[in-house]
């Protein structure tokens, strides 16, 4: 399977694609109109890249980890822990990176995103 085929298959599985498909087929909107509604909804509801506490999107996981200031040598039960949300798949954003820059760049983006989310 070529990289273009892979990107195409993955983009069809996204929530955005499902929403666009619903607008185009159920409401008989053009692809341009459907994309405009999606973009407006993201802006109005402040959904672009926002993770609301307690809610996770597809491609995200919640983990309990030690705080960054936890000292070594103490039992785990005595160390302070926090719950974090990590994004392993950012959907369209990752597909854009994959299509423009390739797998190596996507892997670098994943690593940087995971580190940033863990430190926040």
Protein backbone atom coordinates (compact mmCIF):
# COMPACT_ATOMS: atom_id res chain seq x y z
CA UNK A 1 0.00 0.00 0.00
CA UNK A 2 1.43 3.38 -0.99
CA UNK A 3 1.72 6.29 1.41
CA UNK A 4 -0.99 8.19 -0.50
CA UNK A 5 -3.37 5.22 -0.14
CA UNK A 6 -2.61 5.02 3.59
CA UNK A 7 -3.26 8.75 4.07
CA UNK A 8 -6.51 8.49 2.15
CA UNK A 9 -7.72 5.50 4.20
CA UNK A 10 -6.83 7.14 7.52
CA UNK A 11 -8.50 10.45 6.67
CA UNK A 12 -11.78 8.64 5.91
CA UNK A 13 -11.82 7.29 9.48
CA UNK A 14 -11.60 10.69 11.18
CA UNK A 15 -14.47 12.36 13.04
CA UNK A 16 -14.15 15.31 10.69
CA UNK A 17 -14.72 13.11 7.66
CA UNK A 18 -17.76 11.47 9.27
CA UNK A 19 -19.23 14.92 10.00
CA UNK A 20 -18.47 16.17 6.48
CA UNK A 21 -19.99 13.03 4.97
CA UNK A 22 -23.15 13.54 7.04
CA UNK A 23 -23.49 17.16 5.88
CA UNK A 24 -22.89 16.28 2.24
CA UNK A 25 -25.17 13.24 2.07
CA UNK A 26 -27.93 13.90 4.60
CA UNK A 27 -28.23 17.64 3.99
CA UNK A 28 -27.16 17.58 0.33
CA UNK A 29 -24.49 20.25 0.80
CA UNK A 30 -21.52 20.69 -1.50
CA UNK A 31 -18.10 19.68 -0.14
CA UNK A 32 -17.15 23.37 0.06
CA UNK A 33 -20.30 24.24 2.06
CA UNK A 34 -19.78 21.28 4.39
CA UNK A 35 -16.13 22.27 5.01
CA UNK A 36 -17.27 25.85 5.74
CA UNK A 37 -19.78 24.64 8.33
CA UNK A 38 -17.16 22.40 9.95
CA UNK A 39 -14.64 25.25 10.14
CA UNK A 40 -17.28 27.61 11.58
CA UNK A 41 -18.32 25.04 14.20
CA UNK A 42 -14.70 24.57 15.26
CA UNK A 43 -14.29 28.33 15.64
CA UNK A 44 -17.59 29.00 17.42
CA UNK A 45 -17.23 26.10 19.85
CA UNK A 46 -13.48 26.61 20.26
CA UNK A 47 -12.76 23.01 19.25
CA UNK A 48 -9.51 23.48 17.33
CA UNK A 49 -6.86 21.58 19.25
CA UNK A 50 -8.57 22.00 22.62
CA UNK A 51 -8.76 19.18 25.09
CA UNK A 52 -11.42 19.67 27.75
CA UNK A 53 -10.63 18.11 31.15
CA UNK A 54 -12.33 14.76 31.55
CA UNK A 55 -13.11 14.44 27.86
CA UNK A 56 -10.73 12.72 25.54
CA UNK A 57 -10.91 12.57 21.77
CA UNK A 58 -10.19 9.53 19.65
CA UNK A 59 -6.42 9.12 19.49
CA UNK A 60 -5.89 10.28 23.07
CA UNK A 61 -5.17 8.36 26.26
CA UNK A 62 -5.20 9.31 29.94
CA UNK A 63 -2.30 8.19 32.13
CA UNK A 64 -1.35 8.66 35.75
CA UNK A 65 2.31 9.65 36.04
CA UNK A 66 4.69 11.04 38.62
CA UNK A 67 5.11 14.80 38.76
CA UNK A 68 8.29 16.15 37.21
CA UNK A 69 9.58 17.27 40.62
CA UNK A 70 9.22 13.79 42.20
CA UNK A 71 12.53 12.77 43.76
CA UNK A 72 14.21 9.44 43.19
CA UNK A 73 14.74 6.92 45.97
CA UNK A 74 11.31 7.14 47.60
CA UNK A 75 8.61 4.48 47.33
CA UNK A 76 6.10 5.13 44.57
CA UNK A 77 3.27 5.30 47.09
CA UNK A 78 4.87 8.39 48.67
CA UNK A 79 5.38 10.32 45.45
CA UNK A 80 2.92 12.85 44.04
CA UNK A 81 1.08 11.70 40.92
CA UNK A 82 -0.94 13.57 38.29
CA UNK A 83 -3.29 12.50 35.52
CA UNK A 84 -2.32 13.63 32.01
CA UNK A 85 -3.81 13.33 28.54
CA UNK A 86 -1.48 12.21 25.75
CA UNK A 87 -2.32 12.44 22.05
CA UNK A 88 -0.97 9.56 19.98
CA UNK A 89 -3.03 10.45 16.90
CA UNK A 90 -4.06 14.04 16.16
CA UNK A 91 -6.13 13.10 13.12
CA UNK A 92 -6.06 15.61 10.27
CA UNK A 93 -3.06 17.45 11.70
CA UNK A 94 -0.98 14.25 11.62
CA UNK A 95 -2.20 13.36 8.15
CA UNK A 96 -1.10 16.78 6.88
CA UNK A 97 2.39 16.27 8.32
CA UNK A 98 2.56 12.74 6.87
CA UNK A 99 1.50 13.84 3.39
CA UNK A 100 3.77 16.91 3.28
CA UNK A 101 6.90 15.71 5.10
CA UNK A 102 6.74 11.91 5.41
CA UNK A 103 6.92 9.33 8.18
CA UNK A 104 10.13 10.55 9.80
CA UNK A 105 8.69 14.02 10.32
CA UNK A 106 5.44 12.53 11.65
CA UNK A 107 7.38 10.47 14.18
CA UNK A 108 9.26 13.62 15.28
CA UNK A 109 5.95 15.50 15.65
CA UNK A 110 4.52 12.63 17.74
CA UNK A 111 7.53 12.62 20.08
CA UNK A 112 7.52 16.40 20.52
CA UNK A 113 3.76 16.48 21.14
CA UNK A 114 3.94 13.67 23.74
CA UNK A 115 6.79 15.39 25.59
CA UNK A 116 5.01 18.77 25.57
CA UNK A 117 1.75 17.24 26.82
CA UNK A 118 3.54 15.30 29.54
CA UNK A 119 5.35 18.42 30.78
CA UNK A 120 2.21 20.60 30.78
